[in-house]
Each structure stands twice: as C-alpha cells, then as structure tokens.
Amino acid sequence: MSAELQVHRTDGVVEVTFDRPHRHNAFTRGMYAALRELCEELRDDTSVKVLVLRGAGGRAFAAGNEILDFLEADAVAYETWIRELLESLFALPQVTIAAVDGICVGGGLAVATHCDLRIATPGSRFGYPIARTLGNALSASIVYRCAAIFGESLTREMLLTSRLLTAERAHTVGALLAVTDDLDAEVAAVVDGMLAASGVTLRYQEPAAPAGPAARGRAGRRRGPAGRGLHRPGLRRGRAGVPGQGATGVRLSDPAGPGGCRPDPRPGPAE
C-alpha cells in the first residue's frame, strides 16, 4: 500500500484516508494503484460491510489528479486505467461512503460519485474545473456517474462553467446524504446502521445502476445472483479528449431517467 493512502480496519469496516494534505490530497499513480489493490482484496471479503473514504487535513477530500503524473503518462492509457479502478470501486459488494470535508473536484469527485453514499461538511465544494486546468475531457462512464448523482443540469454547469457547487446545492438535488458540521459523528451513525443491517440486503438490494456504458459487463458482480443491473443505452461518444489524443468523451442530452441519457441528435465531434 502507498504511504499516502492510509488504511484502518475495524470489525466490519475499512476506512481509507487520502493522506497528501500539502497537495489537497491530489491522487498520485501510487495512490490509485493502492486503492485498486484494496478493491481487489475487498471484492470477495464477506467480513467487511462498509468502506469509508476520506481526505486528510480538513481542507480537501481530493483535489483531482497529481498533474505531473498525468503529464508524464500516455493520457488515454492513464485515464483508461483510472476508469477501470473506478469501475472496481463501484462494483464492490460493500456499502461505500465518501466522507467529504473541503474540496472534492476532478478525480476526487469521480471517486465520490462512484461511491454509494456521500456525506459532507457545509464548506465542501464539488466540481470538474478541467476546462481551466488540464483541458482534457472526461470518459463517458465518469460523466455518466456525475449525471446520475447530480443530474444533467448541474453536470453541465460543472463541466461548461468550471464553477464549483456548494454542499447545500448538492444536498438539495440528493447528491449528498447529509450536510453536517460533525462529519465524524454522522459517518459513525450511518456506519453503525449499516453494521446492524442485513448483509444480504446490503449486498444484493442496492439500487441497480451501473457505472456507465463501459461497465455493463461488470456491474452484475454486486447486483446479486441474477445480475439485475439497469443500463441506459444511447450515449453518444466522440473523440473529445486531450488535444491530439483519442480519449472518449460523452455528450449529455435529455435525461431518460435517473442516470440515463437519450441519444443526442446532433452529430458528435468524430462524425
């Protein structure tokens, strides 16, 4: 495990702390690798009911990706690797909780939207200001999860204006379970409730909503023996990635239900 990703285990609970407060807990390749390794360990671990993710320092959950890592890597391959990690996180049979205290942007928001529940402090902020930073485009599954959690309108606002949403607005649209001044107490109360609940119910009766088109074949792992996951076809893709690269982006259109999009009649960038 990476020294910048602290893992604490108690009965039935694993708590992960992103520990780079001097960089607002921006994710490094090593942190992503450690989180991916942990997801592989937890996938078949029936002794763990809850996974809690949080950031150290009280200023950020995670402020995206470490830019130097991103610039030194093949952008398309790196983002594909991250997408696969996020799919692994989403597919976990445990209940996953993002405990947000501060900035939650970029890769940090991607991780939070691939969790089952999000709890935040009043000063927390959420967004994808990539148009003013890296200038890249998000993968289809990441945009899909953002729209599933925040809705299409706020997802467009985050991507097109680079504005950060307040915790109050996020809570209003249902993206947050709670906004609280005492994050530790609220998380502990939710975790206690999960530990007292039926493991079968938690494992097999979570709302079926896959991480996105790229995860259709994987979502059944957590959805019960029949793998009854829902998916929404019709996302239009185009080559909208890093300039000169072929990263796959996604265009949002009229919502077809929670987390879904109908096909956009406008031609995509690659058409």
C-alpha atoms as a PDB file:
ATOM      1  CA  MET A   1       0.000   0.000   0.000  1.00  0.00           C
ATOM      2  CA  SER A   2       1.067   3.574  -0.628  1.00  0.00           C
ATOM      3  CA  ALA A   3       2.148   5.611   2.403  1.00  0.00           C
ATOM      4  CA  GLU A   4      -0.168   8.327   1.086  1.00  0.00           C
ATOM      5  CA  LEU A   5      -3.188   6.049   1.333  1.00  0.00           C
ATOM      6  CA  GLN A   6      -3.792   5.088   4.951  1.00  0.00           C
ATOM      7  CA  VAL A   7      -5.999   2.042   5.620  1.00  0.00           C
ATOM      8  CA  HIS A   8      -7.596   1.434   9.021  1.00  0.00           C
ATOM      9  CA  ARG A   9      -9.613  -1.730   9.698  1.00  0.00           C
ATOM     10  CA  THR A  10     -12.129  -2.407  12.455  1.00  0.00           C
ATOM     11  CA  ASP A  11     -14.848  -5.033  12.732  1.00  0.00           C
ATOM     12  CA  GLY A  12     -16.807  -4.918   9.502  1.00  0.00           C
ATOM     13  CA  VAL A  13     -15.388  -1.554   8.397  1.00  0.00           C
ATOM     14  CA  VAL A  14     -12.426  -0.409   6.326  1.00  0.00           C
ATOM     15  CA  GLU A  15     -11.578   3.305   6.416  1.00  0.00           C
ATOM     16  CA  VAL A  16      -9.237   4.785   3.823  1.00  0.00           C
ATOM     17  CA  THR A  17      -7.637   8.216   4.245  1.00  0.00           C
ATOM     18  CA  PHE A  18      -6.063  10.034   1.307  1.00  0.00           C
ATOM     19  CA  ASP A  19      -3.025  11.482   3.046  1.00  0.00           C
ATOM     20  CA  ARG A  20      -1.434  14.258   0.960  1.00  0.00           C
ATOM     21  CA  PRO A  21      -2.798  17.347   2.709  1.00  0.00           C
ATOM     22  CA  HIS A  22       0.037  19.532   1.385  1.00  0.00           C
ATOM     23  CA  ARG A  23      -1.339  18.853  -2.128  1.00  0.00           C
ATOM     24  CA  HIS A  24      -5.015  18.824  -1.133  1.00  0.00           C
ATOM     25  CA  ASN A  25      -4.852  15.014  -1.349  1.00  0.00           C
ATOM     26  CA  ALA A  26      -4.429  15.028  -5.129  1.00  0.00           C
ATOM     27  CA  PHE A  27      -4.190  11.451  -6.349  1.00  0.00           C
ATOM     28  CA  THR A  28      -0.851  10.040  -7.461  1.00  0.00           C
ATOM     29  CA  ARG A  29      -0.380   6.929  -9.564  1.00  0.00           C
ATOM     30  CA  GLY A  30       0.751   5.133  -6.404  1.00  0.00           C
ATOM     31  CA  MET A  31      -2.434   6.099  -4.558  1.00  0.00           C
ATOM     32  CA  TYR A  32      -4.602   4.892  -7.415  1.00  0.00           C
ATOM     33  CA  ALA A  33      -2.672   1.631  -7.549  1.00  0.00           C
ATOM     34  CA  ALA A  34      -3.087   1.108  -3.788  1.00  0.00           C
ATOM     35  CA  LEU A  35      -6.820   1.819  -3.984  1.00  0.00           C
ATOM     36  CA  ARG A  36      -7.160  -0.605  -6.872  1.00  0.00           C
ATOM     37  CA  GLU A  37      -5.312  -3.264  -4.884  1.00  0.00           C
ATOM     38  CA  LEU A  38      -7.625  -2.676  -1.927  1.00  0.00           C
ATOM     39  CA  CYS A  39     -10.709  -3.033  -4.132  1.00  0.00           C
ATOM     40  CA  GLU A  40      -9.403  -6.384  -5.349  1.00  0.00           C
ATOM     41  CA  GLU A  41      -8.923  -7.507  -1.745  1.00  0.00           C
ATOM     42  CA  LEU A  42     -12.410  -6.403  -0.692  1.00  0.00           C
ATOM     43  CA  ARG A  43     -14.232  -7.837  -3.684  1.00  0.00           C
ATOM     44  CA  ASP A  44     -14.588 -11.280  -2.081  1.00  0.00           C
ATOM     45  CA  ASP A  45     -14.224 -10.280   1.579  1.00  0.00           C
ATOM     46  CA  THR A  46     -17.583 -11.007   3.212  1.00  0.00           C
ATOM     47  CA  SER A  47     -16.325  -9.884   6.634  1.00  0.00           C
ATOM     48  CA  VAL A  48     -16.345  -6.220   5.557  1.00  0.00           C
ATOM     49  CA  LYS A  49     -19.686  -4.433   5.227  1.00  0.00           C
ATOM     50  CA  VAL A  50     -18.629  -0.809   4.812  1.00  0.00           C
ATOM     51  CA  LEU A  51     -15.799   1.071   3.098  1.00  0.00           C
ATOM     52  CA  VAL A  52     -15.321   4.726   4.099  1.00  0.00           C
ATOM     53  CA  LEU A  53     -13.151   7.055   2.011  1.00  0.00           C
ATOM     54  CA  ARG A  54     -11.969  10.438   3.310  1.00  0.00           C
ATOM     55  CA  GLY A  55      -9.218  13.028   2.920  1.00  0.00           C
ATOM     56  CA  ALA A  56      -6.675  14.182   5.495  1.00  0.00           C
ATOM     57  CA  GLY A  57      -6.147  17.756   6.631  1.00  0.00           C
ATOM     58  CA  GLY A  58      -9.681  19.168   6.744  1.00  0.00           C
ATOM     59  CA  ARG A  59      -9.311  21.128   3.505  1.00  0.00           C
ATOM     60  CA  ALA A  60      -9.995  18.558   0.800  1.00  0.00           C
ATOM     61  CA  PHE A  61     -11.421  15.135   0.074  1.00  0.00           C
ATOM     62  CA  ALA A  62      -9.226  15.048  -3.015  1.00  0.00           C
ATOM     63  CA  ALA A  63      -8.316  17.802  -5.444  1.00  0.00           C
ATOM     64  CA  GLY A  64      -8.133  15.750  -8.628  1.00  0.00           C
ATOM     65  CA  ASN A  65      -5.071  14.039 -10.031  1.00  0.00           C
ATOM     66  CA  GLU A  66      -1.454  14.968  -9.487  1.00  0.00           C
ATOM     67  CA  ILE A  67      -0.783  16.936 -12.663  1.00  0.00           C
ATOM     68  CA  LEU A  68       2.831  15.819 -13.022  1.00  0.00           C
ATOM     69  CA  ASP A  69       1.749  12.174 -13.077  1.00  0.00           C
ATOM     70  CA  PHE A  70      -0.842  12.963 -15.724  1.00  0.00           C
ATOM     71  CA  LEU A  71       1.524  14.915 -17.953  1.00  0.00           C
ATOM     72  CA  GLU A  72       4.230  12.264 -17.812  1.00  0.00           C
ATOM     73  CA  ALA A  73       1.883   9.436 -18.816  1.00  0.00           C
ATOM     74  CA  ASP A  74       0.094   8.474 -22.002  1.00  0.00           C
ATOM     75  CA  ALA A  75      -3.114  10.406 -21.345  1.00  0.00           C
ATOM     76  CA  VAL A  76      -5.524   7.923 -22.913  1.00  0.00           C
ATOM     77  CA  ALA A  77      -3.947   4.862 -21.279  1.00  0.00           C
ATOM     78  CA  TYR A  78      -3.780   6.616 -17.896  1.00  0.00           C
ATOM     79  CA  GLU A  79      -7.428   7.637 -17.959  1.00  0.00           C
ATOM     80  CA  THR A  80      -8.446   4.131 -19.063  1.00  0.00           C
ATOM     81  CA  TRP A  81      -6.537   2.718 -16.094  1.00  0.00           C
ATOM     82  CA  ILE A  82      -8.296   5.145 -13.742  1.00  0.00           C
ATOM     83  CA  ARG A  83     -11.693   4.306 -15.260  1.00  0.00           C
ATOM     84  CA  GLU A  84     -11.080   0.613 -14.596  1.00  0.00           C
ATOM     85  CA  LEU A  85     -10.257   1.420 -10.970  1.00  0.00           C
ATOM     86  CA  LEU A  86     -13.476   3.419 -10.595  1.00  0.00           C
ATOM     87  CA  GLU A  87     -15.471   0.533 -12.031  1.00  0.00           C
ATOM     88  CA  SER A  88     -13.838  -1.779  -9.470  1.00  0.00           C
ATOM     89  CA  LEU A  89     -14.793   0.631  -6.681  1.00  0.00           C
ATOM     90  CA  PHE A  90     -18.379   0.877  -7.907  1.00  0.00           C
ATOM     91  CA  ALA A  91     -18.673  -2.908  -8.234  1.00  0.00           C
ATOM     92  CA  LEU A  92     -17.695  -3.611  -4.618  1.00  0.00           C
ATOM     93  CA  PRO A  93     -20.318  -5.558  -2.641  1.00  0.00           C
ATOM     94  CA  GLN A  94     -19.659  -3.382   0.423  1.00  0.00           C
ATOM     95  CA  VAL A  95     -21.505  -0.112   1.038  1.00  0.00           C
ATOM     96  CA  THR A  96     -19.085   2.663   0.073  1.00  0.00           C
ATOM     97  CA  ILE A  97     -19.216   6.096   1.720  1.00  0.00           C
ATOM     98  CA  ALA A  98     -17.354   9.242   0.677  1.00  0.00           C
ATOM     99  CA  ALA A  99     -16.836  11.470   3.727  1.00  0.00           C
ATOM    100  CA  VAL A 100     -16.118  14.880   2.208  1.00  0.00           C
ATOM    101  CA  ASP A 101     -14.563  17.757   4.132  1.00  0.00           C
ATOM    102  CA  GLY A 102     -13.479  20.503   1.754  1.00  0.00           C
ATOM    103  CA  ILE A 103     -12.652  20.431  -1.926  1.00  0.00           C
ATOM    104  CA  CYS A 104     -13.902  17.451  -3.940  1.00  0.00           C
ATOM    105  CA  VAL A 105     -13.007  18.034  -7.578  1.00  0.00           C
ATOM    106  CA  GLY A 106     -11.713  16.214 -10.638  1.00  0.00           C
ATOM    107  CA  GLY A 107     -10.541  12.732  -9.746  1.00  0.00           C
ATOM    108  CA  GLY A 108     -11.794  13.266  -6.205  1.00  0.00           C
ATOM    109  CA  LEU A 109     -15.330  13.859  -7.459  1.00  0.00           C
ATOM    110  CA  ALA A 110     -15.048  10.841  -9.765  1.00  0.00           C
ATOM    111  CA  VAL A 111     -14.212   8.665  -6.751  1.00  0.00           C
ATOM    112  CA  ALA A 112     -17.042  10.191  -4.683  1.00  0.00           C
ATOM    113  CA  THR A 113     -19.658   9.661  -7.406  1.00  0.00           C
ATOM    114  CA  HIS A 114     -18.621   6.017  -7.718  1.00  0.00           C
ATOM    115  CA  CYS A 115     -19.424   5.546  -4.020  1.00  0.00           C
ATOM    116  CA  ASP A 116     -22.899   4.592  -2.804  1.00  0.00           C
ATOM    117  CA  LEU A 117     -23.286   7.479  -0.352  1.00  0.00           C
ATOM    118  CA  ARG A 118     -21.743  10.901   0.176  1.00  0.00           C
ATOM    119  CA  ILE A 119     -21.714  12.937   3.412  1.00  0.00           C
ATOM    120  CA  ALA A 120     -20.131  16.396   3.551  1.00  0.00           C
ATOM    121  CA  THR A 121     -19.374  19.391   5.706  1.00  0.00           C
ATOM    122  CA  PRO A 122     -21.076  22.738   4.908  1.00  0.00           C
ATOM    123  CA  GLY A 123     -17.928  24.249   3.389  1.00  0.00           C
ATOM    124  CA  SER A 124     -17.329  21.430   0.928  1.00  0.00           C
ATOM    125  CA  ARG A 125     -17.292  22.170  -2.804  1.00  0.00           C
ATOM    126  CA  PHE A 126     -17.752  19.907  -5.824  1.00  0.00           C
ATOM    127  CA  GLY A 127     -16.881  20.203  -9.488  1.00  0.00           C
ATOM    128  CA  TYR A 128     -14.905  19.426 -12.621  1.00  0.00           C
ATOM    129  CA  PRO A 129     -12.933  22.596 -13.437  1.00  0.00           C
ATOM    130  CA  ILE A 130     -10.891  20.732 -16.053  1.00  0.00           C
ATOM    131  CA  ALA A 131     -11.626  23.323 -18.774  1.00  0.00           C
ATOM    132  CA  ARG A 132      -9.397  25.712 -16.806  1.00  0.00           C
ATOM    133  CA  THR A 133      -6.763  23.186 -15.694  1.00  0.00           C
ATOM    134  CA  LEU A 134      -5.778  20.160 -17.782  1.00  0.00           C
ATOM    135  CA  GLY A 135      -8.059  20.982 -20.709  1.00  0.00           C
ATOM    136  CA  ASN A 136      -8.905  17.317 -21.246  1.00  0.00           C
ATOM    137  CA  ALA A 137     -12.275  15.544 -21.444  1.00  0.00           C
ATOM    138  CA  LEU A 138     -13.770  13.036 -19.048  1.00  0.00           C
ATOM    139  CA  SER A 139     -14.501   9.454 -20.023  1.00  0.00           C
ATOM    140  CA  ALA A 140     -18.110   8.518 -20.747  1.00  0.00           C
ATOM    141  CA  SER A 141     -18.549   6.483 -17.573  1.00  0.00           C
ATOM    142  CA  ILE A 142     -17.315   9.326 -15.332  1.00  0.00           C
ATOM    143  CA  VAL A 143     -19.721  11.826 -16.898  1.00  0.00           C
ATOM    144  CA  TYR A 144     -22.467   9.207 -16.642  1.00  0.00           C
ATOM    145  CA  ARG A 145     -21.944   8.776 -12.909  1.00  0.00           C
ATOM    146  CA  CYS A 146     -21.856  12.532 -12.344  1.00  0.00           C
ATOM    147  CA  ALA A 147     -25.179  12.933 -14.174  1.00  0.00           C
ATOM    148  CA  ALA A 148     -26.619  10.008 -12.212  1.00  0.00           C
ATOM    149  CA  ILE A 149     -25.736  11.664  -8.895  1.00  0.00           C
ATOM    150  CA  PHE A 150     -26.073  15.403  -9.591  1.00  0.00           C
ATOM    151  CA  GLY A 151     -28.474  15.413 -12.545  1.00  0.00           C
ATOM    152  CA  GLU A 152     -27.861  16.637 -16.057  1.00  0.00           C
ATOM    153  CA  SER A 153     -28.278  20.350 -15.398  1.00  0.00           C
ATOM    154  CA  LEU A 154     -25.687  20.574 -12.633  1.00  0.00           C
ATOM    155  CA  THR A 155     -23.337  18.264 -14.511  1.00  0.00           C
ATOM    156  CA  ARG A 156     -23.457  20.620 -17.492  1.00  0.00           C
ATOM    157  CA  GLU A 157     -22.863  23.569 -15.164  1.00  0.00           C
ATOM    158  CA  MET A 158     -19.802  21.948 -13.609  1.00  0.00           C
ATOM    159  CA  LEU A 159     -18.264  20.972 -16.947  1.00  0.00           C
ATOM    160  CA  LEU A 160     -19.096  24.048 -19.007  1.00  0.00           C
ATOM    161  CA  THR A 161     -18.566  26.835 -16.456  1.00  0.00           C
ATOM    162  CA  SER A 162     -15.891  25.231 -14.240  1.00  0.00           C
ATOM    163  CA  ARG A 163     -17.866  26.503 -11.246  1.00  0.00           C
ATOM    164  CA  LEU A 164     -17.817  24.556  -8.000  1.00  0.00           C
ATOM    165  CA  LEU A 165     -21.108  23.566  -6.389  1.00  0.00           C
ATOM    166  CA  THR A 166     -21.775  24.191  -2.720  1.00  0.00           C
ATOM    167  CA  ALA A 167     -22.667  21.371  -0.356  1.00  0.00           C
ATOM    168  CA  GLU A 168     -26.092  22.955   0.066  1.00  0.00           C
ATOM    169  CA  ARG A 169     -26.865  22.716  -3.659  1.00  0.00           C
ATOM    170  CA  ALA A 170     -25.507  19.182  -3.816  1.00  0.00           C
ATOM    171  CA  HIS A 171     -27.704  18.147  -0.899  1.00  0.00           C
ATOM    172  CA  THR A 172     -30.768  19.801  -2.435  1.00  0.00           C
ATOM    173  CA  VAL A 173     -30.556  17.577  -5.530  1.00  0.00           C
ATOM    174  CA  GLY A 174     -29.905  14.446  -3.471  1.00  0.00           C
ATOM    175  CA  ALA A 175     -26.208  14.072  -4.262  1.00  0.00           C
ATOM    176  CA  LEU A 176     -25.401  14.128  -0.526  1.00  0.00           C
ATOM    177  CA  LEU A 177     -26.979  12.025   2.182  1.00  0.00           C
ATOM    178  CA  ALA A 178     -26.301  14.742   4.748  1.00  0.00           C
ATOM    179  CA  VAL A 179     -24.510  18.047   5.305  1.00  0.00           C
ATOM    180  CA  THR A 180     -23.128  18.267   8.822  1.00  0.00           C
ATOM    181  CA  ASP A 181     -20.681  20.189  10.991  1.00  0.00           C
ATOM    182  CA  ASP A 182     -19.758  16.941  12.754  1.00  0.00           C
ATOM    183  CA  LEU A 183     -18.641  14.703   9.903  1.00  0.00           C
ATOM    184  CA  ASP A 184     -17.162  12.000  12.124  1.00  0.00           C
ATOM    185  CA  ALA A 185     -20.346  11.601  14.170  1.00  0.00           C
ATOM    186  CA  GLU A 186     -22.598  11.483  11.100  1.00  0.00           C
ATOM    187  CA  VAL A 187     -20.406   8.940   9.337  1.00  0.00           C
ATOM    188  CA  ALA A 188     -20.235   6.831  12.503  1.00  0.00           C
ATOM    189  CA  ALA A 189     -24.031   6.874  12.823  1.00  0.00           C
ATOM    190  CA  VAL A 190     -24.501   5.778   9.215  1.00  0.00           C
ATOM    191  CA  VAL A 191     -21.857   3.065   9.556  1.00  0.00           C
ATOM    192  CA  ASP A 192     -23.467   1.761  12.760  1.00  0.00           C
ATOM    193  CA  GLY A 193     -26.757   1.493  10.912  1.00  0.00           C
ATOM    194  CA  MET A 194     -25.099  -0.473   8.115  1.00  0.00           C
ATOM    195  CA  LEU A 195     -23.428  -2.853  10.553  1.00  0.00           C
ATOM    196  CA  ALA A 196     -26.797  -3.565  12.165  1.00  0.00           C
ATOM    197  CA  ALA A 197     -28.475  -4.205   8.804  1.00  0.00           C
ATOM    198  CA  SER A 198     -28.798  -7.489   6.970  1.00  0.00           C
ATOM    199  CA  GLY A 199     -25.675  -8.286   4.971  1.00  0.00           C
ATOM    200  CA  VAL A 200     -27.791  -9.951   2.284  1.00  0.00           C
ATOM    201  CA  THR A 201     -29.896  -6.825   1.897  1.00  0.00           C
ATOM    202  CA  LEU A 202     -26.857  -4.556   1.674  1.00  0.00           C
ATOM    203  CA  ARG A 203     -25.084  -6.818  -0.782  1.00  0.00           C
ATOM    204  CA  TYR A 204     -27.949  -7.605  -3.158  1.00  0.00           C
ATOM    205  CA  GLN A 205     -30.589  -4.906  -2.841  1.00  0.00           C
ATOM    206  CA  GLU A 206     -28.689  -1.713  -3.564  1.00  0.00           C
ATOM    207  CA  PRO A 207     -30.309   0.321  -6.365  1.00  0.00           C
ATOM    208  CA  ALA A 208     -29.146  -1.213  -9.626  1.00  0.00           C
ATOM    209  CA  ALA A 209     -27.392   1.478 -11.637  1.00  0.00           C
ATOM    210  CA  PRO A 210     -24.109   0.589 -13.335  1.00  0.00           C
ATOM    211  CA  ALA A 211     -21.167   2.924 -13.534  1.00  0.00           C
ATOM    212  CA  GLY A 212     -21.869   3.630 -17.185  1.00  0.00           C
ATOM    213  CA  PRO A 213     -21.764   2.045 -20.621  1.00  0.00           C
ATOM    214  CA  ALA A 214     -18.222   0.754 -20.172  1.00  0.00           C
ATOM    215  CA  ALA A 215     -19.211  -1.141 -17.033  1.00  0.00           C
ATOM    216  CA  ARG A 216     -22.278  -3.003 -18.302  1.00  0.00           C
ATOM    217  CA  GLY A 217     -20.496  -6.297 -18.291  1.00  0.00           C
ATOM    218  CA  ARG A 218     -19.113  -5.842 -14.779  1.00  0.00           C
ATOM    219  CA  ALA A 219     -21.976  -4.377 -12.776  1.00  0.00           C
ATOM    220  CA  GLY A 220     -23.680  -7.713 -12.169  1.00  0.00           C
ATOM    221  CA  ARG A 221     -20.967  -8.696  -9.692  1.00  0.00           C
ATOM    222  CA  ARG A 222     -22.548  -6.641  -6.923  1.00  0.00           C
ATOM    223  CA  ARG A 223     -26.166  -6.823  -8.054  1.00  0.00           C
ATOM    224  CA  GLY A 224     -26.993 -10.300  -6.832  1.00  0.00           C
ATOM    225  CA  PRO A 225     -27.019 -13.747  -8.407  1.00  0.00           C
ATOM    226  CA  ALA A 226     -29.151 -12.656 -11.335  1.00  0.00           C
ATOM    227  CA  GLY A 227     -27.059  -9.550 -12.008  1.00  0.00           C
ATOM    228  CA  ARG A 228     -30.154  -7.415 -12.492  1.00  0.00           C
ATOM    229  CA  GLY A 229     -28.364  -4.160 -13.232  1.00  0.00           C
ATOM    230  CA  LEU A 230     -30.015  -1.420 -15.260  1.00  0.00           C
ATOM    231  CA  HIS A 231     -28.285   0.405 -18.050  1.00  0.00           C
ATOM    232  CA  ARG A 232     -29.224   3.236 -20.333  1.00  0.00           C
ATOM    233  CA  PRO A 233     -28.049   2.844 -23.928  1.00  0.00           C
ATOM    234  CA  GLY A 234     -27.796   5.738 -26.304  1.00  0.00           C
ATOM    235  CA  LEU A 235     -24.862   7.768 -25.002  1.00  0.00           C
ATOM    236  CA  ARG A 236     -23.247   9.428 -27.967  1.00  0.00           C
ATOM    237  CA  ARG A 237     -19.474   9.320 -27.875  1.00  0.00           C
ATOM    238  CA  GLY A 238     -16.891  11.304 -29.722  1.00  0.00           C
ATOM    239  CA  ARG A 239     -13.176  11.919 -29.792  1.00  0.00           C
ATOM    240  CA  ALA A 240     -13.179  14.720 -27.273  1.00  0.00           C
ATOM    241  CA  GLY A 241     -10.143  14.012 -25.190  1.00  0.00           C
ATOM    242  CA  VAL A 242      -6.768  15.620 -24.704  1.00  0.00           C
ATOM    243  CA  PRO A 243      -5.795  17.652 -27.782  1.00  0.00           C
ATOM    244  CA  GLY A 244      -4.111  15.309 -30.218  1.00  0.00           C
ATOM    245  CA  GLN A 245      -5.297  12.238 -28.287  1.00  0.00           C
ATOM    246  CA  GLY A 246      -8.277   9.953 -28.748  1.00  0.00           C
ATOM    247  CA  ALA A 247      -9.825   9.886 -25.292  1.00  0.00           C
ATOM    248  CA  THR A 248     -13.519   9.145 -25.410  1.00  0.00           C
ATOM    249  CA  GLY A 249     -15.915  11.809 -24.195  1.00  0.00           C
ATOM    250  CA  VAL A 250     -19.699  11.771 -23.898  1.00  0.00           C
ATOM    251  CA  ARG A 251     -22.425  14.220 -24.796  1.00  0.00           C
ATOM    252  CA  LEU A 252     -25.387  14.605 -22.470  1.00  0.00           C
ATOM    253  CA  SER A 253     -28.884  15.000 -23.843  1.00  0.00           C
ATOM    254  CA  ASP A 254     -32.417  14.725 -22.466  1.00  0.00           C
ATOM    255  CA  PRO A 255     -32.463  12.546 -19.359  1.00  0.00           C
ATOM    256  CA  ALA A 256     -34.157   9.174 -19.778  1.00  0.00           C
ATOM    257  CA  GLY A 257     -34.479   8.629 -16.041  1.00  0.00           C
ATOM    258  CA  PRO A 258     -32.059   8.629 -13.108  1.00  0.00           C
ATOM    259  CA  GLY A 259     -28.568   8.451 -14.523  1.00  0.00           C
ATOM    260  CA  GLY A 260     -29.703   7.995 -18.103  1.00  0.00           C
ATOM    261  CA  CYS A 261     -29.464   9.924 -21.349  1.00  0.00           C
ATOM    262  CA  ARG A 262     -31.388   9.690 -24.591  1.00  0.00           C
ATOM    263  CA  PRO A 263     -29.443   9.790 -27.853  1.00  0.00           C
ATOM    264  CA  ASP A 264     -28.390  13.277 -28.902  1.00  0.00           C
ATOM    265  CA  PRO A 265     -29.499  14.012 -32.490  1.00  0.00           C
ATOM    266  CA  ARG A 266     -26.593  16.383 -33.075  1.00  0.00           C
ATOM    267  CA  PRO A 267     -23.525  14.962 -34.782  1.00  0.00           C
ATOM    268  CA  GLY A 268     -20.661  14.100 -32.480  1.00  0.00           C
ATOM    269  CA  PRO A 269     -17.158  15.531 -32.909  1.00  0.00           C
ATOM    270  CA  ALA A 270     -15.935  12.393 -34.657  1.00  0.00           C
ATOM    271  CA  GLU A 271     -18.810  12.137 -37.114  1.00  0.00           C
END
